[in-house]
Amino acid sequence: MAELFRLLGEPNRLRLVVACLDRPRTVGELTEEIGVSQSLVSHHLRLLRAARLLRQQRRGKKMLYDLPDCHVATMLTNMIDHVLEPEDAHSEEQE
C-alpha cells in the first residue's frame, strides 16, 4: 500500500489518475491536460499501469487510459472531497 501512495504522491502521476476519473483519456489528451511532454506522460503511465492504478485499452487506433478499479476511484473522490471541504466543517463535526 505504501508503494501505491508513493506513486500517487508524485504530482504529475496523481494528476494523470485524477484526469481519468470521469472518462477514459488518450495520451494526447493527458499530455495537453497535464501540460508535460508526451514522453514524460508515457513514462508515468507505464508506472501507473504496472501498479494497476490505470488500465490501457485499445479503441480502434487509439489507446485509452482509465481506472480499472472502483476502489481507487472512490478513494480519490473521497480525498478530493476532503481537500475541498471548508476548514470549519471539521471543527463543527468535533463540537
PDB file of N, CA and C in Angstrom:
ATOM      1  N   MET A   1       0.820  -1.184   0.000  1.00  0.00           N
ATOM      2  CA  MET A   1       0.000   0.000   0.000  1.00  0.00           C
ATOM      3  C   MET A   1       0.869   1.256   0.000  1.00  0.00           C
ATOM      4  N   ALA A   2       1.964   1.223   0.729  1.00  0.00           N
ATOM      5  CA  ALA A   2       2.862   2.374   0.771  1.00  0.00           C
ATOM      6  C   ALA A   2       3.396   2.696  -0.626  1.00  0.00           C
ATOM      7  N   GLU A   3       3.675   1.672  -1.416  1.00  0.00           N
ATOM      8  CA  GLU A   3       4.173   1.882  -2.776  1.00  0.00           C
ATOM      9  C   GLU A   3       3.120   2.593  -3.635  1.00  0.00           C
ATOM     10  N   LEU A   4       1.855   2.228  -3.476  1.00  0.00           N
ATOM     11  CA  LEU A   4       0.790   2.887  -4.238  1.00  0.00           C
ATOM     12  C   LEU A   4       0.681   4.363  -3.858  1.00  0.00           C
ATOM     13  N   PHE A   5       0.756   4.648  -2.558  1.00  0.00           N
ATOM     14  CA  PHE A   5       0.699   6.039  -2.126  1.00  0.00           C
ATOM     15  C   PHE A   5       1.948   6.806  -2.569  1.00  0.00           C
ATOM     16  N   ARG A   6       3.090   6.141  -2.609  1.00  0.00           N
ATOM     17  CA  ARG A   6       4.309   6.791  -3.110  1.00  0.00           C
ATOM     18  C   ARG A   6       4.133   7.169  -4.581  1.00  0.00           C
ATOM     19  N   LEU A   7       3.577   6.254  -5.369  1.00  0.00           N
ATOM     20  CA  LEU A   7       3.337   6.550  -6.780  1.00  0.00           C
ATOM     21  C   LEU A   7       2.375   7.722  -6.942  1.00  0.00           C
ATOM     22  N   LEU A   8       1.323   7.743  -6.147  1.00  0.00           N
ATOM     23  CA  LEU A   8       0.338   8.816  -6.230  1.00  0.00           C
ATOM     24  C   LEU A   8       0.836  10.119  -5.608  1.00  0.00           C
ATOM     25  N   GLY A   9       1.915  10.043  -4.840  1.00  0.00           N
ATOM     26  CA  GLY A   9       2.480  11.225  -4.218  1.00  0.00           C
ATOM     27  C   GLY A   9       3.237  12.120  -5.191  1.00  0.00           C
ATOM     28  N   GLU A  10       3.555  11.607  -6.356  1.00  0.00           N
ATOM     29  CA  GLU A  10       4.220  12.419  -7.380  1.00  0.00           C
ATOM     30  C   GLU A  10       3.122  13.215  -8.093  1.00  0.00           C
ATOM     31  N   PRO A  11       3.190  14.552  -8.089  1.00  0.00           N
ATOM     32  CA  PRO A  11       2.090  15.377  -8.595  1.00  0.00           C
ATOM     33  C   PRO A  11       1.619  15.060 -10.013  1.00  0.00           C
ATOM     34  N   ASN A  12       2.528  14.819 -10.940  1.00  0.00           N
ATOM     35  CA  ASN A  12       2.104  14.526 -12.311  1.00  0.00           C
ATOM     36  C   ASN A  12       1.360  13.201 -12.398  1.00  0.00           C
ATOM     37  N   ARG A  13       1.815  12.199 -11.671  1.00  0.00           N
ATOM     38  CA  ARG A  13       1.110  10.907 -11.684  1.00  0.00           C
ATOM     39  C   ARG A  13      -0.275  11.051 -11.065  1.00  0.00           C
ATOM     40  N   LEU A  14      -0.370  11.777  -9.974  1.00  0.00           N
ATOM     41  CA  LEU A  14      -1.672  11.993  -9.341  1.00  0.00           C
ATOM     42  C   LEU A  14      -2.604  12.719 -10.303  1.00  0.00           C
ATOM     43  N   ARG A  15      -2.096  13.737 -10.982  1.00  0.00           N
ATOM     44  CA  ARG A  15      -2.912  14.468 -11.949  1.00  0.00           C
ATOM     45  C   ARG A  15      -3.375  13.572 -13.096  1.00  0.00           C
ATOM     46  N   LEU A  16      -2.534  12.646 -13.531  1.00  0.00           N
ATOM     47  CA  LEU A  16      -2.930  11.712 -14.591  1.00  0.00           C
ATOM     48  C   LEU A  16      -4.071  10.816 -14.132  1.00  0.00           C
ATOM     49  N   VAL A  17      -3.954  10.279 -12.933  1.00  0.00           N
ATOM     50  CA  VAL A  17      -5.003   9.392 -12.423  1.00  0.00           C
ATOM     51  C   VAL A  17      -6.301  10.163 -12.225  1.00  0.00           C
ATOM     52  N   VAL A  18      -6.215  11.345 -11.645  1.00  0.00           N
ATOM     53  CA  VAL A  18      -7.415  12.164 -11.425  1.00  0.00           C
ATOM     54  C   VAL A  18      -8.062  12.535 -12.764  1.00  0.00           C
ATOM     55  N   ALA A  19      -7.256  12.807 -13.772  1.00  0.00           N
ATOM     56  CA  ALA A  19      -7.790  13.153 -15.094  1.00  0.00           C
ATOM     57  C   ALA A  19      -8.600  12.011 -15.694  1.00  0.00           C
ATOM     58  N   CYS A  20      -8.299  10.795 -15.286  1.00  0.00           N
ATOM     59  CA  CYS A  20      -9.001   9.622 -15.817  1.00  0.00           C
ATOM     60  C   CYS A  20     -10.209   9.222 -14.970  1.00  0.00           C
ATOM     61  N   LEU A  21     -10.516   9.989 -13.934  1.00  0.00           N
ATOM     62  CA  LEU A  21     -11.646   9.651 -13.059  1.00  0.00           C
ATOM     63  C   LEU A  21     -12.980   9.678 -13.796  1.00  0.00           C
ATOM     64  N   ASP A  22     -13.200  10.700 -14.616  1.00  0.00           N
ATOM     65  CA  ASP A  22     -14.526  10.859 -15.210  1.00  0.00           C
ATOM     66  C   ASP A  22     -14.721  10.116 -16.522  1.00  0.00           C
ATOM     67  N   ARG A  23     -13.632   9.851 -17.237  1.00  0.00           N
ATOM     68  CA  ARG A  23     -13.747   9.129 -18.514  1.00  0.00           C
ATOM     69  C   ARG A  23     -12.369   8.688 -18.973  1.00  0.00           C
ATOM     70  N   PRO A  24     -12.321   7.695 -19.868  1.00  0.00           N
ATOM     71  CA  PRO A  24     -11.034   7.283 -20.428  1.00  0.00           C
ATOM     72  C   PRO A  24     -10.412   8.414 -21.240  1.00  0.00           C
ATOM     73  N   ARG A  25      -9.083   8.489 -21.210  1.00  0.00           N
ATOM     74  CA  ARG A  25      -8.350   9.556 -21.904  1.00  0.00           C
ATOM     75  C   ARG A  25      -7.250   8.961 -22.774  1.00  0.00           C
ATOM     76  N   THR A  26      -6.956   9.651 -23.877  1.00  0.00           N
ATOM     77  CA  THR A  26      -5.833   9.267 -24.729  1.00  0.00           C
ATOM     78  C   THR A  26      -4.565   9.920 -24.180  1.00  0.00           C
ATOM     79  N   VAL A  27      -3.423   9.446 -24.646  1.00  0.00           N
ATOM     80  CA  VAL A  27      -2.149  10.052 -24.250  1.00  0.00           C
ATOM     81  C   VAL A  27      -2.124  11.523 -24.657  1.00  0.00           C
ATOM     82  N   GLY A  28      -2.630  11.821 -25.837  1.00  0.00           N
ATOM     83  CA  GLY A  28      -2.659  13.210 -26.298  1.00  0.00           C
ATOM     84  C   GLY A  28      -3.494  14.100 -25.385  1.00  0.00           C
ATOM     85  N   GLU A  29      -4.652  13.608 -24.982  1.00  0.00           N
ATOM     86  CA  GLU A  29      -5.496  14.381 -24.068  1.00  0.00           C
ATOM     87  C   GLU A  29      -4.805  14.589 -22.731  1.00  0.00           C
ATOM     88  N   LEU A  30      -4.176  13.528 -22.233  1.00  0.00           N
ATOM     89  CA  LEU A  30      -3.485  13.628 -20.945  1.00  0.00           C
ATOM     90  C   LEU A  30      -2.298  14.580 -21.027  1.00  0.00           C
ATOM     91  N   THR A  31      -1.561  14.510 -22.132  1.00  0.00           N
ATOM     92  CA  THR A  31      -0.419  15.402 -22.326  1.00  0.00           C
ATOM     93  C   THR A  31      -0.868  16.852 -22.307  1.00  0.00           C
ATOM     94  N   GLU A  32      -1.952  17.142 -23.010  1.00  0.00           N
ATOM     95  CA  GLU A  32      -2.471  18.507 -23.064  1.00  0.00           C
ATOM     96  C   GLU A  32      -3.003  18.949 -21.699  1.00  0.00           C
ATOM     97  N   GLU A  33      -3.743  18.082 -21.052  1.00  0.00           N
ATOM     98  CA  GLU A  33      -4.344  18.444 -19.770  1.00  0.00           C
ATOM     99  C   GLU A  33      -3.311  18.645 -18.663  1.00  0.00           C
ATOM    100  N   ILE A  34      -2.298  17.777 -18.629  1.00  0.00           N
ATOM    101  CA  ILE A  34      -1.292  17.840 -17.569  1.00  0.00           C
ATOM    102  C   ILE A  34      -0.236  18.895 -17.874  1.00  0.00           C
ATOM    103  N   GLY A  35       0.029  19.122 -19.153  1.00  0.00           N
ATOM    104  CA  GLY A  35       0.975  20.168 -19.532  1.00  0.00           C
ATOM    105  C   GLY A  35       2.426  19.758 -19.420  1.00  0.00           C
ATOM    106  N   VAL A  36       2.706  18.467 -19.624  1.00  0.00           N
ATOM    107  CA  VAL A  36       4.092  17.985 -19.657  1.00  0.00           C
ATOM    108  C   VAL A  36       4.299  17.237 -20.970  1.00  0.00           C
ATOM    109  N   SER A  37       5.527  16.867 -21.258  1.00  0.00           N
ATOM    110  CA  SER A  37       5.837  16.219 -22.532  1.00  0.00           C
ATOM    111  C   SER A  37       5.168  14.849 -22.638  1.00  0.00           C
ATOM    112  N   GLN A  38       4.946  14.439 -23.883  1.00  0.00           N
ATOM    113  CA  GLN A  38       4.337  13.136 -24.130  1.00  0.00           C
ATOM    114  C   GLN A  38       5.220  12.002 -23.602  1.00  0.00           C
ATOM    115  N   SER A  39       6.534  12.157 -23.711  1.00  0.00           N
ATOM    116  CA  SER A  39       7.425  11.102 -23.219  1.00  0.00           C
ATOM    117  C   SER A  39       7.323  10.969 -21.703  1.00  0.00           C
ATOM    118  N   LEU A  40       7.177  12.096 -20.986  1.00  0.00           N
ATOM    119  CA  LEU A  40       7.021  12.033 -19.532  1.00  0.00           C
ATOM    120  C   LEU A  40       5.672  11.428 -19.154  1.00  0.00           C
ATOM    121  N   VAL A  41       4.619  11.790 -19.883  1.00  0.00           N
ATOM    122  CA  VAL A  41       3.301  11.184 -19.645  1.00  0.00           C
ATOM    123  C   VAL A  41       3.383   9.684 -19.865  1.00  0.00           C
ATOM    124  N   SER A  42       4.001   9.263 -20.954  1.00  0.00           N
ATOM    125  CA  SER A  42       4.129   7.828 -21.245  1.00  0.00           C
ATOM    126  C   SER A  42       4.898   7.097 -20.148  1.00  0.00           C
ATOM    127  N   HIS A  43       5.956   7.712 -19.657  1.00  0.00           N
ATOM    128  CA  HIS A  43       6.741   7.114 -18.568  1.00  0.00           C
ATOM    129  C   HIS A  43       5.864   6.921 -17.323  1.00  0.00           C
ATOM    130  N   HIS A  44       5.139   7.962 -16.943  1.00  0.00           N
ATOM    131  CA  HIS A  44       4.274   7.873 -15.762  1.00  0.00           C
ATOM    132  C   HIS A  44       3.154   6.852 -15.986  1.00  0.00           C
ATOM    133  N   LEU A  45       2.606   6.807 -17.189  1.00  0.00           N
ATOM    134  CA  LEU A  45       1.543   5.839 -17.474  1.00  0.00           C
ATOM    135  C   LEU A  45       2.042   4.404 -17.337  1.00  0.00           C
ATOM    136  N   ARG A  46       3.267   4.152 -17.754  1.00  0.00           N
ATOM    137  CA  ARG A  46       3.837   2.796 -17.594  1.00  0.00           C
ATOM    138  C   ARG A  46       3.887   2.414 -16.128  1.00  0.00           C
ATOM    139  N   LEU A  47       4.337   3.321 -15.278  1.00  0.00           N
ATOM    140  CA  LEU A  47       4.414   3.046 -13.842  1.00  0.00           C
ATOM    141  C   LEU A  47       3.026   2.830 -13.242  1.00  0.00           C
ATOM    142  N   LEU A  48       2.078   3.655 -13.642  1.00  0.00           N
ATOM    143  CA  LEU A  48       0.719   3.551 -13.112  1.00  0.00           C
ATOM    144  C   LEU A  48       0.025   2.275 -13.586  1.00  0.00           C
ATOM    145  N   ARG A  49       0.297   1.873 -14.817  1.00  0.00           N
ATOM    146  CA  ARG A  49      -0.256   0.600 -15.315  1.00  0.00           C
ATOM    147  C   ARG A  49       0.358  -0.575 -14.574  1.00  0.00           C
ATOM    148  N   ALA A  50       1.665  -0.537 -14.358  1.00  0.00           N
ATOM    149  CA  ALA A  50       2.345  -1.637 -13.658  1.00  0.00           C
ATOM    150  C   ALA A  50       1.799  -1.806 -12.238  1.00  0.00           C
ATOM    151  N   ALA A  51       1.387  -0.705 -11.626  1.00  0.00           N
ATOM    152  CA  ALA A  51       0.831  -0.750 -10.268  1.00  0.00           C
ATOM    153  C   ALA A  51      -0.680  -1.013 -10.288  1.00  0.00           C
ATOM    154  N   ARG A  52      -1.246  -1.185 -11.465  1.00  0.00           N
ATOM    155  CA  ARG A  52      -2.675  -1.438 -11.669  1.00  0.00           C
ATOM    156  C   ARG A  52      -3.546  -0.272 -11.209  1.00  0.00           C
ATOM    157  N   LEU A  53      -2.985   0.934 -11.237  1.00  0.00           N
ATOM    158  CA  LEU A  53      -3.773   2.118 -10.922  1.00  0.00           C
ATOM    159  C   LEU A  53      -4.509   2.631 -12.159  1.00  0.00           C
ATOM    160  N   LEU A  54      -3.937   2.393 -13.328  1.00  0.00           N
ATOM    161  CA  LEU A  54      -4.590   2.716 -14.591  1.00  0.00           C
ATOM    162  C   LEU A  54      -4.565   1.497 -15.497  1.00  0.00           C
ATOM    163  N   ARG A  55      -5.525   1.474 -16.414  1.00  0.00           N
ATOM    164  CA  ARG A  55      -5.621   0.384 -17.389  1.00  0.00           C
ATOM    165  C   ARG A  55      -5.547   0.990 -18.783  1.00  0.00           C
ATOM    166  N   GLN A  56      -4.926   0.266 -19.687  1.00  0.00           N
ATOM    167  CA  GLN A  56      -4.798   0.684 -21.083  1.00  0.00           C
ATOM    168  C   GLN A  56      -5.745  -0.170 -21.916  1.00  0.00           C
ATOM    169  N   GLN A  57      -6.549   0.478 -22.759  1.00  0.00           N
ATOM    170  CA  GLN A  57      -7.466  -0.243 -23.650  1.00  0.00           C
ATOM    171  C   GLN A  57      -7.358   0.334 -25.050  1.00  0.00           C
ATOM    172  N   ARG A  58      -7.426  -0.543 -26.024  1.00  0.00           N
ATOM    173  CA  ARG A  58      -7.385  -0.088 -27.419  1.00  0.00           C
ATOM    174  C   ARG A  58      -8.817   0.098 -27.911  1.00  0.00           C
ATOM    175  N   ARG A  59      -9.059   1.270 -28.522  1.00  0.00           N
ATOM    176  CA  ARG A  59     -10.330   1.531 -29.201  1.00  0.00           C
ATOM    177  C   ARG A  59      -9.984   2.042 -30.587  1.00  0.00           C
ATOM    178  N   GLY A  60     -10.122   1.155 -31.548  1.00  0.00           N
ATOM    179  CA  GLY A  60      -9.710   1.489 -32.906  1.00  0.00           C
ATOM    180  C   GLY A  60      -8.211   1.683 -32.931  1.00  0.00           C
ATOM    181  N   LYS A  61      -7.768   2.844 -33.386  1.00  0.00           N
ATOM    182  CA  LYS A  61      -6.336   3.140 -33.441  1.00  0.00           C
ATOM    183  C   LYS A  61      -5.836   3.825 -32.169  1.00  0.00           C
ATOM    184  N   LYS A  62      -6.746   4.169 -31.286  1.00  0.00           N
ATOM    185  CA  LYS A  62      -6.367   4.921 -30.089  1.00  0.00           C
ATOM    186  C   LYS A  62      -6.190   4.008 -28.887  1.00  0.00           C
ATOM    187  N   MET A  63      -5.251   4.398 -28.030  1.00  0.00           N
ATOM    188  CA  MET A  63      -5.067   3.744 -26.740  1.00  0.00           C
ATOM    189  C   MET A  63      -5.664   4.670 -25.689  1.00  0.00           C
ATOM    190  N   LEU A  64      -6.579   4.126 -24.892  1.00  0.00           N
ATOM    191  CA  LEU A  64      -7.230   4.911 -23.858  1.00  0.00           C
ATOM    192  C   LEU A  64      -6.811   4.408 -22.485  1.00  0.00           C
ATOM    193  N   TYR A  65      -6.776   5.329 -21.535  1.00  0.00           N
ATOM    194  CA  TYR A  65      -6.389   5.010 -20.166  1.00  0.00           C
ATOM    195  C   TYR A  65      -7.542   5.364 -19.243  1.00  0.00           C
ATOM    196  N   ASP A  66      -7.843   4.432 -18.340  1.00  0.00           N
ATOM    197  CA  ASP A  66      -8.894   4.679 -17.356  1.00  0.00           C
ATOM    198  C   ASP A  66      -8.559   3.955 -16.058  1.00  0.00           C
ATOM    199  N   LEU A  67      -9.412   4.157 -15.061  1.00  0.00           N
ATOM    200  CA  LEU A  67      -9.226   3.494 -13.769  1.00  0.00           C
ATOM    201  C   LEU A  67      -9.938   2.147 -13.809  1.00  0.00           C
ATOM    202  N   PRO A  68      -9.218   1.066 -13.604  1.00  0.00           N
ATOM    203  CA  PRO A  68      -9.834  -0.250 -13.691  1.00  0.00           C
ATOM    204  C   PRO A  68     -10.552  -0.664 -12.407  1.00  0.00           C
ATOM    205  N   ASP A  69     -10.341   0.063 -11.335  1.00  0.00           N
ATOM    206  CA  ASP A  69     -10.807  -0.373 -10.024  1.00  0.00           C
ATOM    207  C   ASP A  69     -11.645   0.717  -9.371  1.00  0.00           C
ATOM    208  N   CYS A  70     -12.893   0.392  -9.062  1.00  0.00           N
ATOM    209  CA  CYS A  70     -13.767   1.391  -8.447  1.00  0.00           C
ATOM    210  C   CYS A  70     -13.272   1.793  -7.062  1.00  0.00           C
ATOM    211  N   HIS A  71     -12.481   0.942  -6.392  1.00  0.00           N
ATOM    212  CA  HIS A  71     -11.955   1.287  -5.070  1.00  0.00           C
ATOM    213  C   HIS A  71     -10.991   2.473  -5.150  1.00  0.00           C
ATOM    214  N   VAL A  72     -10.159   2.474  -6.167  1.00  0.00           N
ATOM    215  CA  VAL A  72      -9.205   3.576  -6.349  1.00  0.00           C
ATOM    216  C   VAL A  72      -9.974   4.860  -6.670  1.00  0.00           C
ATOM    217  N   ALA A  73     -10.967   4.765  -7.540  1.00  0.00           N
ATOM    218  CA  ALA A  73     -11.773   5.938  -7.896  1.00  0.00           C
ATOM    219  C   ALA A  73     -12.488   6.488  -6.667  1.00  0.00           C
ATOM    220  N   THR A  74     -13.042   5.618  -5.849  1.00  0.00           N
ATOM    221  CA  THR A  74     -13.738   6.042  -4.635  1.00  0.00           C
ATOM    222  C   THR A  74     -12.780   6.717  -3.667  1.00  0.00           C
ATOM    223  N   MET A  75     -11.597   6.127  -3.476  1.00  0.00           N
ATOM    224  CA  MET A  75     -10.606   6.704  -2.572  1.00  0.00           C
ATOM    225  C   MET A  75     -10.208   8.107  -3.042  1.00  0.00           C
ATOM    226  N   LEU A  76      -9.928   8.251  -4.338  1.00  0.00           N
ATOM    227  CA  LEU A  76      -9.527   9.548  -4.866  1.00  0.00           C
ATOM    228  C   LEU A  76     -10.654  10.571  -4.767  1.00  0.00           C
ATOM    229  N   THR A  77     -11.871  10.153  -5.077  1.00  0.00           N
ATOM    230  CA  THR A  77     -13.018  11.048  -4.973  1.00  0.00           C
ATOM    231  C   THR A  77     -13.204  11.506  -3.531  1.00  0.00           C
ATOM    232  N   ASN A  78     -13.068  10.590  -2.585  1.00  0.00           N
ATOM    233  CA  ASN A  78     -13.179  10.949  -1.172  1.00  0.00           C
ATOM    234  C   ASN A  78     -12.076  11.913  -0.752  1.00  0.00           C
ATOM    235  N   MET A  79     -10.859  11.687  -1.227  1.00  0.00           N
ATOM    236  CA  MET A  79      -9.755  12.582  -0.892  1.00  0.00           C
ATOM    237  C   MET A  79      -9.966  13.972  -1.497  1.00  0.00           C
ATOM    238  N   ILE A  80     -10.464  14.023  -2.722  1.00  0.00           N
ATOM    239  CA  ILE A  80     -10.755  15.313  -3.357  1.00  0.00           C
ATOM    240  C   ILE A  80     -11.822  16.043  -2.551  1.00  0.00           C
ATOM    241  N   ASP A  81     -12.879  15.329  -2.162  1.00  0.00           N
ATOM    242  CA  ASP A  81     -13.930  15.938  -1.337  1.00  0.00           C
ATOM    243  C   ASP A  81     -13.353  16.461  -0.028  1.00  0.00           C
ATOM    244  N   HIS A  82     -12.466  15.691   0.573  1.00  0.00           N
ATOM    245  CA  HIS A  82     -11.848  16.093   1.837  1.00  0.00           C
ATOM    246  C   HIS A  82     -11.043  17.386   1.668  1.00  0.00           C
ATOM    247  N   VAL A  83     -10.250  17.442   0.620  1.00  0.00           N
ATOM    248  CA  VAL A  83      -9.405  18.615   0.377  1.00  0.00           C
ATOM    249  C   VAL A  83     -10.250  19.854   0.089  1.00  0.00           C
ATOM    250  N   LEU A  84     -11.382  19.665  -0.567  1.00  0.00           N
ATOM    251  CA  LEU A  84     -12.230  20.796  -0.948  1.00  0.00           C
ATOM    252  C   LEU A  84     -13.195  21.234   0.156  1.00  0.00           C
ATOM    253  N   GLU A  85     -13.292  20.452   1.235  1.00  0.00           N
ATOM    254  CA  GLU A  85     -14.172  20.828   2.350  1.00  0.00           C
ATOM    255  C   GLU A  85     -13.704  22.126   2.979  1.00  0.00           C
ATOM    256  N   PRO A  86     -14.656  22.956   3.380  1.00  0.00           N
ATOM    257  CA  PRO A  86     -14.245  24.149   4.117  1.00  0.00           C
ATOM    258  C   PRO A  86     -13.592  23.739   5.433  1.00  0.00           C
ATOM    259  N   GLU A  87     -12.606  24.502   5.847  1.00  0.00           N
ATOM    260  CA  GLU A  87     -11.856  24.158   7.055  1.00  0.00           C
ATOM    261  C   GLU A  87     -12.752  24.109   8.285  1.00  0.00           C
ATOM    262  N   ASP A  88     -13.765  24.962   8.353  1.00  0.00           N
ATOM    263  CA  ASP A  88     -14.631  24.995   9.525  1.00  0.00           C
ATOM    264  C   ASP A  88     -15.561  23.789   9.605  1.00  0.00           C
ATOM    265  N   ALA A  89     -15.699  23.006   8.535  1.00  0.00           N
ATOM    266  CA  ALA A  89     -16.538  21.796   8.579  1.00  0.00           C
ATOM    267  C   ALA A  89     -15.980  20.795   9.562  1.00  0.00           C
ATOM    268  N   HIS A  90     -14.659  20.725   9.710  1.00  0.00           N
ATOM    269  CA  HIS A  90     -14.040  19.797  10.659  1.00  0.00           C
ATOM    270  C   HIS A  90     -14.282  20.218  12.096  1.00  0.00           C
ATOM    271  N   SER A  91     -14.204  21.506  12.374  1.00  0.00           N
ATOM    272  CA  SER A  91     -14.404  21.964  13.742  1.00  0.00           C
ATOM    273  C   SER A  91     -15.842  21.804  14.179  1.00  0.00           C
ATOM    274  N   GLU A  92     -16.816  21.937  13.251  1.00  0.00           N
ATOM    275  CA  GLU A  92     -18.223  21.744  13.574  1.00  0.00           C
ATOM    276  C   GLU A  92     -18.502  20.284  13.915  1.00  0.00           C
ATOM    277  N   GLU A  93     -17.848  19.345  13.235  1.00  0.00           N
ATOM    278  CA  GLU A  93     -18.047  17.922  13.496  1.00  0.00           C
ATOM    279  C   GLU A  93     -17.536  17.540  14.878  1.00  0.00           C
ATOM    280  N   GLN A  94     -16.499  18.203  15.350  1.00  0.00           N
ATOM    281  CA  GLN A  94     -15.883  17.860  16.635  1.00  0.00           C
ATOM    282  C   GLN A  94     -16.664  18.417  17.814  1.00  0.00           C
ATOM    283  N   GLU A  95     -17.520  19.391  17.593  1.00  0.00           N
ATOM    284  CA  GLU A  95     -18.273  20.018  18.696  1.00  0.00           C
ATOM    285  C   GLU A  95     -19.403  19.157  19.165  1.00  0.00           C
TER     286      GLU A  95
END
